Amino acid sequence: MEIAILTQNNGFLINKYSRMLANSLERAGFDIVLFRCSATAKGKKMSKFSALKDLMRMFGLGFTIRAIAETLISAVRDRPSKYPDNCKIVEVPDSQKINAEYFQEHCGEFRVLLILAGTRIIRKDVLDLFE
């Protein structure tokens, strides 16, 4: 059985934890389809400077410096080869509406949708695909 995971493509923590989740699910015998969307606020594009300002305002300077360092390190480490072999990664373009047809185009038989740090609205036709 496949598990679909909808998440953001974020070089700081989200990719690290989605990779850990995919590896755990693979060890449990599941096939994974990972849909990675761009990390946007309220569905709008943000400049890196604006995102950095928001991060500093919300979490402080220490956390922001750590986030920058982790992002730079993960840019080198985060390669598809770090994901298990049975994990299909689908990079979702900003312009793509995530509907049932889009899921079915990339997935086979799946019953579980995990949403990891998602900011997109999940349409009813997508939710109807899952039990």
Foldseek 3Di string as FASTA:
>chain_A
DEEEEEEEPAQFVQLVVVQVVQVVVVVVPHQYEYEYEHDDDPLDDDDPVVVLVVCCVVPNDVVSVNRVVSSVVSVVVVDPVSHDPRYHYHYDYSPDDDACVVVVVRDPDDAHYHYGHDDDDYDPRNVVSHD
